[in-house]
C-alpha atoms as a PDB file:
ATOM      1  CA  MET A   1      -6.124 -12.085   4.739  1.00  0.00           C
ATOM      2  CA  LEU A   2      -8.287  -9.343   6.181  1.00  0.00           C
ATOM      3  CA  ALA A   3      -9.526  -8.604   2.675  1.00  0.00           C
ATOM      4  CA  ARG A   4     -11.241 -12.000   2.758  1.00  0.00           C
ATOM      5  CA  GLN A   5     -12.733 -11.830   6.234  1.00  0.00           C
ATOM      6  CA  PRO A   6     -12.367 -10.037   9.560  1.00  0.00           C
ATOM      7  CA  SER A   7     -10.096 -11.938  11.927  1.00  0.00           C
ATOM      8  CA  SER A   8      -8.645 -11.868  15.411  1.00  0.00           C
ATOM      9  CA  VAL A   9      -4.937 -11.757  16.167  1.00  0.00           C
ATOM     10  CA  GLY A  10      -4.994 -15.468  17.000  1.00  0.00           C
ATOM     11  CA  GLU A  11      -6.764 -16.405  13.775  1.00  0.00           C
ATOM     12  CA  LEU A  12      -4.232 -14.440  11.766  1.00  0.00           C
ATOM     13  CA  ALA A  13      -1.262 -15.824  13.699  1.00  0.00           C
ATOM     14  CA  ASP A  14      -2.461 -19.378  13.021  1.00  0.00           C
ATOM     15  CA  GLN A  15      -2.039 -18.694   9.300  1.00  0.00           C
ATOM     16  CA  LEU A  16       1.321 -16.905   9.507  1.00  0.00           C
ATOM     17  CA  PRO A  17       4.859 -17.933  10.421  1.00  0.00           C
ATOM     18  CA  ILE A  18       5.067 -15.222  13.127  1.00  0.00           C
ATOM     19  CA  THR A  19       3.962 -14.969  16.739  1.00  0.00           C
ATOM     20  CA  PRO A  20       0.651 -13.500  17.856  1.00  0.00           C
ATOM     21  CA  GLN A  21       2.633 -10.675  19.468  1.00  0.00           C
ATOM     22  CA  ALA A  22       4.200  -9.825  16.090  1.00  0.00           C
ATOM     23  CA  VAL A  23       0.778  -9.946  14.401  1.00  0.00           C
ATOM     24  CA  SER A  24      -0.569  -7.621  17.081  1.00  0.00           C
ATOM     25  CA  GLN A  25       2.295  -5.171  16.524  1.00  0.00           C
ATOM     26  CA  HIS A  26       1.729  -5.175  12.766  1.00  0.00           C
ATOM     27  CA  LEU A  27      -1.998  -4.625  13.248  1.00  0.00           C
ATOM     28  CA  GLY A  28      -1.216  -1.728  15.576  1.00  0.00           C
ATOM     29  CA  VAL A  29       0.810  -0.043  12.852  1.00  0.00           C
ATOM     30  CA  LEU A  30      -1.897  -0.697  10.263  1.00  0.00           C
ATOM     31  CA  ARG A  31      -4.526   0.615  12.663  1.00  0.00           C
ATOM     32  CA  ALA A  32      -2.519   3.777  13.373  1.00  0.00           C
ATOM     33  CA  GLY A  33      -2.236   4.259   9.607  1.00  0.00           C
ATOM     34  CA  GLY A  34      -5.988   3.949   9.189  1.00  0.00           C
ATOM     35  CA  LEU A  35      -5.781   0.761   7.133  1.00  0.00           C
ATOM     36  CA  VAL A  36      -7.555  -1.540   9.595  1.00  0.00           C
ATOM     37  CA  VAL A  37     -10.185  -1.080  12.286  1.00  0.00           C
ATOM     38  CA  ALA A  38     -10.933  -3.258  15.290  1.00  0.00           C
ATOM     39  CA  ARG A  39     -14.064  -4.046  17.223  1.00  0.00           C
ATOM     40  CA  PRO A  40     -14.239  -5.767  20.576  1.00  0.00           C
ATOM     41  CA  ASP A  41     -15.644  -9.287  20.591  1.00  0.00           C
ATOM     42  CA  GLY A  42     -15.593 -10.655  24.099  1.00  0.00           C
ATOM     43  CA  THR A  43     -11.985 -10.794  25.273  1.00  0.00           C
ATOM     44  CA  ARG A  44     -10.531 -10.365  21.804  1.00  0.00           C
ATOM     45  CA  ARG A  45     -10.529  -7.756  19.079  1.00  0.00           C
ATOM     46  CA  VAL A  46     -11.620  -8.580  15.546  1.00  0.00           C
ATOM     47  CA  TYR A  47      -9.810  -6.650  12.828  1.00  0.00           C
ATOM     48  CA  ARG A  48     -11.068  -5.792   9.366  1.00  0.00           C
ATOM     49  CA  LEU A  49      -9.830  -3.659   6.517  1.00  0.00           C
ATOM     50  CA  ASN A  50     -10.803  -0.026   6.627  1.00  0.00           C
ATOM     51  CA  THR A  51     -11.954   0.409   3.033  1.00  0.00           C
ATOM     52  CA  GLN A  52     -11.709   4.193   3.264  1.00  0.00           C
ATOM     53  CA  GLY A  53      -8.099   3.974   4.439  1.00  0.00           C
ATOM     54  CA  VAL A  54      -7.200   1.465   1.734  1.00  0.00           C
ATOM     55  CA  ALA A  55      -8.875   3.659  -0.911  1.00  0.00           C
ATOM     56  CA  ALA A  56      -6.895   6.684   0.307  1.00  0.00           C
ATOM     57  CA  LEU A  57      -3.638   4.703   0.124  1.00  0.00           C
ATOM     58  CA  LYS A  58      -4.518   3.492  -3.372  1.00  0.00           C
ATOM     59  CA  ALA A  59      -5.241   7.068  -4.499  1.00  0.00           C
ATOM     60  CA  TYR A  60      -1.923   8.206  -3.010  1.00  0.00           C
ATOM     61  CA  PHE A  61       0.037   5.556  -4.899  1.00  0.00           C
ATOM     62  CA  GLU A  62      -1.853   6.318  -8.108  1.00  0.00           C
ATOM     63  CA  ARG A  63      -0.829   9.990  -7.805  1.00  0.00           C
ATOM     64  CA  ILE A  64       2.787   9.005  -7.215  1.00  0.00           C
ATOM     65  CA  TRP A  65       2.680   6.607 -10.170  1.00  0.00           C
ATOM     66  CA  ASP A  66       1.069   9.214 -12.448  1.00  0.00           C
ATOM     67  CA  ASP A  67       3.708  11.787 -11.440  1.00  0.00           C
ATOM     68  CA  ALA A  68       6.503   9.274 -12.019  1.00  0.00           C
ATOM     69  CA  LEU A  69       5.149   8.326 -15.447  1.00  0.00           C
ATOM     70  CA  ALA A  70       4.802  11.990 -16.433  1.00  0.00           C
ATOM     71  CA  ALA A  71       8.397  12.680 -15.351  1.00  0.00           C
ATOM     72  CA  TYR A  72       9.588   9.608 -17.253  1.00  0.00           C
ATOM     73  CA  GLN A  73       7.723  10.721 -20.376  1.00  0.00           C
ATOM     74  CA  LYS A  74       9.248  14.187 -20.121  1.00  0.00           C
ATOM     75  CA  ALA A  75      12.753  12.751 -19.703  1.00  0.00           C
ATOM     76  CA  ALA A  76      12.213  10.364 -22.630  1.00  0.00           C
ATOM     77  CA  ASP A  77      11.021  13.258 -24.838  1.00  0.00           C
ATOM     78  CA  VAL A  78      14.080  15.349 -23.927  1.00  0.00           C
ATOM     79  CA  ALA A  79      16.390  12.394 -24.586  1.00  0.00           C
ATOM     80  CA  ALA A  80      14.731  11.761 -27.952  1.00  0.00           C
ATOM     81  CA  ASP A  81      15.071  15.441 -28.906  1.00  0.00           C
ATOM     82  CA  ASN A  82      18.740  15.424 -27.895  1.00  0.00           C
ATOM     83  CA  PHE A  83      19.338  12.250 -29.889  1.00  0.00           C
ATOM     84  CA  ASP A  84      17.651  13.747 -32.968  1.00  0.00           C
ATOM     85  CA  HIS A  85      19.786  16.896 -32.705  1.00  0.00           C
ATOM     86  CA  GLU A  86      22.969  14.830 -32.416  1.00  0.00           C
ATOM     87  CA  LYS A  87      22.111  12.983 -35.642  1.00  0.00           C
ATOM     88  CA  GLU A  88      21.607  16.193 -37.664  1.00  0.00           C
ATOM     89  CA  PRO A  89      24.483  16.966 -40.049  1.00  0.00           C
ATOM     90  CA  THR A  90      26.622  19.882 -39.050  1.00  0.00           C
END
């Protein structure tokens, strides 16, 4: 939702099946993680995505994914080599 437009807790809660208090708690976690930022607007705070935080999270997951794929490829190569050796006549 915040990817589309900055929003207040109330605006987000109106679109979700959870209470404003729960939205606020979730935003607090996201803010602590650097994924959203807030700016005061009168008596409320308007939240938006922190593009730098989201980019850092994306890069982190890409590294994990690349490492997982490399490990999978290595395991598949070892399994294929073992299978080939088992098929050789003795």
